[in-house]
C-alpha atoms as a PDB file:
ATOM      1  CA  UNK A   1       7.262  33.051  14.101  1.00  0.00           C
ATOM      2  CA  UNK A   2       3.635  34.242  13.322  1.00  0.00           C
ATOM      3  CA  UNK A   3       1.853  36.794  15.517  1.00  0.00           C
ATOM      4  CA  UNK A   4      -0.574  34.399  17.114  1.00  0.00           C
ATOM      5  CA  UNK A   5       2.293  32.079  18.259  1.00  0.00           C
ATOM      6  CA  UNK A   6       4.056  35.145  19.616  1.00  0.00           C
ATOM      7  CA  UNK A   7       0.815  36.448  21.512  1.00  0.00           C
ATOM      8  CA  UNK A   8       0.404  32.746  22.902  1.00  0.00           C
ATOM      9  CA  UNK A   9       3.992  32.422  23.850  1.00  0.00           C
ATOM     10  CA  UNK A  10       3.697  35.665  25.565  1.00  0.00           C
ATOM     11  CA  UNK A  11       0.589  34.712  27.224  1.00  0.00           C
ATOM     12  CA  UNK A  12       2.217  31.514  28.457  1.00  0.00           C
ATOM     13  CA  UNK A  13       5.194  33.354  30.005  1.00  0.00           C
ATOM     14  CA  UNK A  14       2.957  35.553  31.891  1.00  0.00           C
ATOM     15  CA  UNK A  15       0.833  32.738  33.112  1.00  0.00           C
ATOM     16  CA  UNK A  16      -2.336  34.193  31.432  1.00  0.00           C
ATOM     17  CA  UNK A  17      -4.306  30.965  30.569  1.00  0.00           C
ATOM     18  CA  UNK A  18      -5.005  30.477  26.645  1.00  0.00           C
ATOM     19  CA  UNK A  19      -8.317  29.124  25.877  1.00  0.00           C
ATOM     20  CA  UNK A  20      -8.751  27.225  22.386  1.00  0.00           C
ATOM     21  CA  UNK A  21     -12.076  25.989  21.055  1.00  0.00           C
ATOM     22  CA  UNK A  22     -12.499  22.445  20.916  1.00  0.00           C
ATOM     23  CA  UNK A  23     -14.483  20.834  18.011  1.00  0.00           C
ATOM     24  CA  UNK A  24     -14.895  17.135  17.192  1.00  0.00           C
ATOM     25  CA  UNK A  25     -14.470  15.817  13.398  1.00  0.00           C
ATOM     26  CA  UNK A  26     -16.968  13.777  11.863  1.00  0.00           C
ATOM     27  CA  UNK A  27     -14.795  10.379  12.979  1.00  0.00           C
ATOM     28  CA  UNK A  28     -14.352  11.719  16.627  1.00  0.00           C
ATOM     29  CA  UNK A  29     -11.102  13.308  16.397  1.00  0.00           C
ATOM     30  CA  UNK A  30     -10.737  16.298  18.581  1.00  0.00           C
ATOM     31  CA  UNK A  31      -9.421  19.458  16.891  1.00  0.00           C
ATOM     32  CA  UNK A  32      -8.458  22.882  18.520  1.00  0.00           C
ATOM     33  CA  UNK A  33      -8.112  26.366  17.289  1.00  0.00           C
ATOM     34  CA  UNK A  34      -8.405  29.758  18.672  1.00  0.00           C
ATOM     35  CA  UNK A  35     -11.431  30.096  16.749  1.00  0.00           C
ATOM     36  CA  UNK A  36     -12.455  28.231  13.728  1.00  0.00           C
ATOM     37  CA  UNK A  37     -12.175  31.013  10.911  1.00  0.00           C
ATOM     38  CA  UNK A  38      -9.918  31.675   7.980  1.00  0.00           C
ATOM     39  CA  UNK A  39      -6.188  32.149   8.617  1.00  0.00           C
ATOM     40  CA  UNK A  40      -6.397  30.402  12.135  1.00  0.00           C
ATOM     41  CA  UNK A  41      -4.012  27.818  13.471  1.00  0.00           C
ATOM     42  CA  UNK A  42      -5.531  24.478  13.853  1.00  0.00           C
ATOM     43  CA  UNK A  43      -4.206  21.528  15.874  1.00  0.00           C
ATOM     44  CA  UNK A  44      -5.190  17.824  16.641  1.00  0.00           C
ATOM     45  CA  UNK A  45      -5.372  17.286  20.227  1.00  0.00           C
ATOM     46  CA  UNK A  46      -3.511  14.332  21.729  1.00  0.00           C
ATOM     47  CA  UNK A  47      -2.911  12.898  25.098  1.00  0.00           C
ATOM     48  CA  UNK A  48       0.279  14.788  25.531  1.00  0.00           C
ATOM     49  CA  UNK A  49       0.650  17.372  22.714  1.00  0.00           C
ATOM     50  CA  UNK A  50      -0.709  19.354  19.925  1.00  0.00           C
ATOM     51  CA  UNK A  51      -0.207  18.257  16.518  1.00  0.00           C
ATOM     52  CA  UNK A  52      -0.502  20.580  13.538  1.00  0.00           C
ATOM     53  CA  UNK A  53      -3.434  19.633  11.281  1.00  0.00           C
ATOM     54  CA  UNK A  54      -2.395  17.851   7.886  1.00  0.00           C
ATOM     55  CA  UNK A  55      -3.461  19.312   4.478  1.00  0.00           C
ATOM     56  CA  UNK A  56      -6.934  18.199   3.510  1.00  0.00           C
ATOM     57  CA  UNK A  57     -10.632  18.854   3.885  1.00  0.00           C
ATOM     58  CA  UNK A  58     -12.297  17.840   7.220  1.00  0.00           C
ATOM     59  CA  UNK A  59     -16.129  17.596   8.156  1.00  0.00           C
ATOM     60  CA  UNK A  60     -16.911  18.738  11.662  1.00  0.00           C
ATOM     61  CA  UNK A  61     -19.848  17.316  13.474  1.00  0.00           C
ATOM     62  CA  UNK A  62     -21.888  20.361  13.126  1.00  0.00           C
ATOM     63  CA  UNK A  63     -21.827  20.054   9.491  1.00  0.00           C
ATOM     64  CA  UNK A  64     -19.135  22.712   8.513  1.00  0.00           C
ATOM     65  CA  UNK A  65     -16.224  21.827   6.196  1.00  0.00           C
ATOM     66  CA  UNK A  66     -12.620  22.898   7.328  1.00  0.00           C
ATOM     67  CA  UNK A  67     -10.129  23.182   4.427  1.00  0.00           C
ATOM     68  CA  UNK A  68      -6.449  23.233   5.637  1.00  0.00           C
ATOM     69  CA  UNK A  69      -4.369  24.131   2.474  1.00  0.00           C
ATOM     70  CA  UNK A  70      -0.958  24.898   4.511  1.00  0.00           C
ATOM     71  CA  UNK A  71      -0.277  22.215   7.327  1.00  0.00           C
ATOM     72  CA  UNK A  72      -1.818  23.772  10.740  1.00  0.00           C
ATOM     73  CA  UNK A  73      -3.356  26.825   9.065  1.00  0.00           C
ATOM     74  CA  UNK A  74      -7.273  27.203   8.159  1.00  0.00           C
ATOM     75  CA  UNK A  75      -7.694  28.154   4.531  1.00  0.00           C
ATOM     76  CA  UNK A  76     -11.329  28.253   4.743  1.00  0.00           C
ATOM     77  CA  UNK A  77     -14.527  27.383   6.887  1.00  0.00           C
ATOM     78  CA  UNK A  78     -17.562  26.668   5.062  1.00  0.00           C
ATOM     79  CA  UNK A  79     -21.056  24.914   5.215  1.00  0.00           C
ATOM     80  CA  UNK A  80     -21.208  21.706   3.437  1.00  0.00           C
ATOM     81  CA  UNK A  81     -23.510  21.821   0.273  1.00  0.00           C
ATOM     82  CA  UNK A  82     -24.368  19.512  -2.636  1.00  0.00           C
ATOM     83  CA  UNK A  83     -23.440  22.122  -5.054  1.00  0.00           C
ATOM     84  CA  UNK A  84     -19.804  23.404  -4.847  1.00  0.00           C
ATOM     85  CA  UNK A  85     -19.379  26.635  -7.264  1.00  0.00           C
ATOM     86  CA  UNK A  86     -16.745  26.092  -9.821  1.00  0.00           C
ATOM     87  CA  UNK A  87     -14.000  28.263  -9.863  1.00  0.00           C
ATOM     88  CA  UNK A  88     -13.578  30.738 -12.722  1.00  0.00           C
ATOM     89  CA  UNK A  89     -10.690  31.978 -14.432  1.00  0.00           C
ATOM     90  CA  UNK A  90     -10.259  35.909 -15.614  1.00  0.00           C
ATOM     91  CA  UNK A  91     -12.065  34.964 -18.897  1.00  0.00           C
ATOM     92  CA  UNK A  92     -14.992  33.775 -17.115  1.00  0.00           C
ATOM     93  CA  UNK A  93     -14.497  30.161 -18.241  1.00  0.00           C
ATOM     94  CA  UNK A  94     -15.336  27.656 -15.423  1.00  0.00           C
ATOM     95  CA  UNK A  95     -12.329  25.727 -14.187  1.00  0.00           C
ATOM     96  CA  UNK A  96     -12.556  22.233 -12.745  1.00  0.00           C
ATOM     97  CA  UNK A  97      -9.761  20.648 -10.715  1.00  0.00           C
ATOM     98  CA  UNK A  98      -8.106  17.338 -11.564  1.00  0.00           C
ATOM     99  CA  UNK A  99      -9.236  15.794  -8.230  1.00  0.00           C
ATOM    100  CA  UNK A 100     -12.906  16.750  -8.834  1.00  0.00           C
ATOM    101  CA  UNK A 101     -12.455  14.952 -12.374  1.00  0.00           C
ATOM    102  CA  UNK A 102     -10.949  11.993 -10.941  1.00  0.00           C
ATOM    103  CA  UNK A 103     -13.603  11.739  -8.290  1.00  0.00           C
ATOM    104  CA  UNK A 104     -16.211  11.809 -10.903  1.00  0.00           C
ATOM    105  CA  UNK A 105     -14.416   9.245 -12.967  1.00  0.00           C
ATOM    106  CA  UNK A 106     -14.035   6.857  -9.724  1.00  0.00           C
ATOM    107  CA  UNK A 107     -17.624   7.421  -8.758  1.00  0.00           C
ATOM    108  CA  UNK A 108     -18.978   7.090 -12.365  1.00  0.00           C
ATOM    109  CA  UNK A 109     -21.509   4.054 -12.855  1.00  0.00           C
ATOM    110  CA  UNK A 110     -21.627   1.957 -15.879  1.00  0.00           C
ATOM    111  CA  UNK A 111     -24.913   1.876 -18.030  1.00  0.00           C
ATOM    112  CA  UNK A 112     -26.636  -1.374 -18.665  1.00  0.00           C
ATOM    113  CA  UNK A 113     -25.554  -1.234 -22.419  1.00  0.00           C
ATOM    114  CA  UNK A 114     -21.931  -0.776 -21.406  1.00  0.00           C
ATOM    115  CA  UNK A 115     -22.236  -3.921 -19.023  1.00  0.00           C
ATOM    116  CA  UNK A 116     -23.873  -6.265 -21.546  1.00  0.00           C
ATOM    117  CA  UNK A 117     -21.259  -5.469 -24.136  1.00  0.00           C
ATOM    118  CA  UNK A 118     -18.492  -6.041 -21.825  1.00  0.00           C
ATOM    119  CA  UNK A 119     -19.952  -9.310 -20.990  1.00  0.00           C
ATOM    120  CA  UNK A 120     -20.396 -10.311 -24.367  1.00  0.00           C
ATOM    121  CA  UNK A 121     -16.698  -9.467 -25.181  1.00  0.00           C
ATOM    122  CA  UNK A 122     -15.707 -11.558 -22.271  1.00  0.00           C
ATOM    123  CA  UNK A 123     -17.632 -14.789 -23.496  1.00  0.00           C
ATOM    124  CA  UNK A 124     -16.230 -14.508 -26.695  1.00  0.00           C
ATOM    125  CA  UNK A 125     -12.856 -14.456 -25.262  1.00  0.00           C
ATOM    126  CA  UNK A 126     -13.578 -17.468 -23.173  1.00  0.00           C
ATOM    127  CA  UNK A 127     -14.719 -19.147 -26.084  1.00  0.00           C
ATOM    128  CA  UNK A 128     -11.694 -18.291 -28.163  1.00  0.00           C
ATOM    129  CA  UNK A 129      -9.531 -19.906 -25.174  1.00  0.00           C
ATOM    130  CA  UNK A 130     -11.689 -22.788 -24.926  1.00  0.00           C
ATOM    131  CA  UNK A 131     -11.156 -23.785 -28.654  1.00  0.00           C
ATOM    132  CA  UNK A 132      -7.401 -23.342 -28.290  1.00  0.00           C
ATOM    133  CA  UNK A 133      -7.187 -25.422 -25.061  1.00  0.00           C
ATOM    134  CA  UNK A 134      -9.632 -28.613 -26.231  1.00  0.00           C
ATOM    135  CA  UNK A 135      -7.876 -31.322 -28.349  1.00  0.00           C
ATOM    136  CA  UNK A 136      -9.104 -30.994 -32.134  1.00  0.00           C
ATOM    137  CA  UNK A 137     -11.257 -33.832 -33.326  1.00  0.00           C
ATOM    138  CA  UNK A 138      -9.567 -33.679 -36.707  1.00  0.00           C
ATOM    139  CA  UNK A 139      -6.331 -35.369 -35.519  1.00  0.00           C
ATOM    140  CA  UNK A 140      -4.436 -37.774 -37.824  1.00  0.00           C
ATOM    141  CA  UNK A 141      -3.323 -41.242 -36.914  1.00  0.00           C
ATOM    142  CA  UNK A 142       0.106 -40.072 -36.647  1.00  0.00           C
ATOM    143  CA  UNK A 143      -0.778 -37.473 -34.244  1.00  0.00           C
ATOM    144  CA  UNK A 144      -2.561 -39.940 -31.895  1.00  0.00           C
ATOM    145  CA  UNK A 145       0.295 -41.946 -31.784  1.00  0.00           C
ATOM    146  CA  UNK A 146       2.674 -39.021 -31.126  1.00  0.00           C
ATOM    147  CA  UNK A 147       0.385 -38.031 -28.367  1.00  0.00           C
ATOM    148  CA  UNK A 148       0.250 -41.585 -26.748  1.00  0.00           C
ATOM    149  CA  UNK A 149       4.103 -41.885 -27.092  1.00  0.00           C
ATOM    150  CA  UNK A 150       4.688 -38.277 -25.183  1.00  0.00           C
ATOM    151  CA  UNK A 151       2.044 -39.558 -22.553  1.00  0.00           C
ATOM    152  CA  UNK A 152       4.024 -42.693 -21.863  1.00  0.00           C
ATOM    153  CA  UNK A 153       7.281 -40.830 -21.830  1.00  0.00           C
ATOM    154  CA  UNK A 154       5.991 -38.389 -19.500  1.00  0.00           C
ATOM    155  CA  UNK A 155       4.541 -41.027 -17.041  1.00  0.00           C
ATOM    156  CA  UNK A 156       7.617 -43.076 -16.901  1.00  0.00           C
ATOM    157  CA  UNK A 157      10.083 -41.903 -14.014  1.00  0.00           C
ATOM    158  CA  UNK A 158      12.877 -39.801 -15.088  1.00  0.00           C
ATOM    159  CA  UNK A 159      15.676 -41.562 -13.231  1.00  0.00           C
ATOM    160  CA  UNK A 160      15.791 -44.513 -10.869  1.00  0.00           C
ATOM    161  CA  UNK A 161      15.418 -43.659  -7.152  1.00  0.00           C
ATOM    162  CA  UNK A 162      18.676 -43.310  -4.956  1.00  0.00           C
ATOM    163  CA  UNK A 163      18.686 -45.527  -2.295  1.00  0.00           C
ATOM    164  CA  UNK A 164      20.824 -44.862   0.986  1.00  0.00           C
ATOM    165  CA  UNK A 165      23.301 -47.868   1.899  1.00  0.00           C
ATOM    166  CA  UNK A 166      24.692 -47.447   5.526  1.00  0.00           C
ATOM    167  CA  UNK A 167      27.004 -50.540   4.845  1.00  0.00           C
ATOM    168  CA  UNK A 168      28.887 -48.946   1.833  1.00  0.00           C
ATOM    169  CA  UNK A 169      32.217 -47.912   2.872  1.00  0.00           C
ATOM    170  CA  UNK A 170      33.125 -44.555   1.704  1.00  0.00           C
ATOM    171  CA  UNK A 171      36.688 -43.527   0.702  1.00  0.00           C
ATOM    172  CA  UNK A 172      38.698 -42.097   3.236  1.00  0.00           C
ATOM    173  CA  UNK A 173      40.068 -38.674   2.230  1.00  0.00           C
ATOM    174  CA  UNK A 174      43.462 -37.785   2.777  1.00  0.00           C
ATOM    175  CA  UNK A 175      43.795 -35.043   5.259  1.00  0.00           C
ATOM    176  CA  UNK A 176      46.809 -32.810   5.285  1.00  0.00           C
ATOM    177  CA  UNK A 177      48.013 -31.591   8.762  1.00  0.00           C
ATOM    178  CA  UNK A 178      50.050 -28.435   9.212  1.00  0.00           C
ATOM    179  CA  UNK A 179      51.564 -26.757  12.000  1.00  0.00           C
ATOM    180  CA  UNK A 180      51.806 -30.071  14.337  1.00  0.00           C
ATOM    181  CA  UNK A 181      54.405 -28.555  16.206  1.00  0.00           C
ATOM    182  CA  UNK A 182      52.706 -25.286  17.033  1.00  0.00           C
ATOM    183  CA  UNK A 183      51.982 -24.290  20.649  1.00  0.00           C
ATOM    184  CA  UNK A 184      48.181 -24.814  21.120  1.00  0.00           C
ATOM    185  CA  UNK A 185      46.350 -22.162  22.442  1.00  0.00           C
ATOM    186  CA  UNK A 186      42.837 -22.716  24.255  1.00  0.00           C
ATOM    187  CA  UNK A 187      41.003 -21.717  21.048  1.00  0.00           C
ATOM    188  CA  UNK A 188      42.975 -24.466  19.169  1.00  0.00           C
ATOM    189  CA  UNK A 189      42.310 -27.125  21.666  1.00  0.00           C
ATOM    190  CA  UNK A 190      38.412 -26.184  21.761  1.00  0.00           C
ATOM    191  CA  UNK A 191      38.310 -26.284  17.949  1.00  0.00           C
ATOM    192  CA  UNK A 192      40.153 -29.578  17.696  1.00  0.00           C
ATOM    193  CA  UNK A 193      37.619 -30.983  20.196  1.00  0.00           C
ATOM    194  CA  UNK A 194      34.681 -29.726  18.019  1.00  0.00           C
ATOM    195  CA  UNK A 195      36.171 -31.288  14.784  1.00  0.00           C
ATOM    196  CA  UNK A 196      36.633 -34.702  16.339  1.00  0.00           C
END
């Protein structure tokens, strides 16, 4: 149990009221914390209880950014700016996170040249497909006759339709009866009635 949790539990046992700061996120969700500082606990306020804030970055209504790296614990609170400084390693080289690179790739826009080359490539693929699908003009007489024969065979019904004939008598199936001398229970009588 953390020290702040212990202090809060002692305060509740002694009936000392604990006041938490409440702020709204950009989407209107109400969050509560002792104070919005690094290392403090943060919760989402619901109707009947407090829920620990999930890991992520959240924008408050006043424009500050709250970073939660461990569930329910504020890792950093800072002002939002367009330029986020890149982290540097021990050798002084800038390190960009994989998440930032993925965002850049997702948000990247295609240039006009890239779009026009992609459109031309798709047009050439469509022309190739049309050439494969359309009938060839240089068909021989044998090919034409073969295609007509195939069309005739495919247009003919595969089998004659089956018609129902209620007058036709069906052959009676011989039934074998077992245990006729058995004492019939209620279940046996019910099943016998259902089968008839």
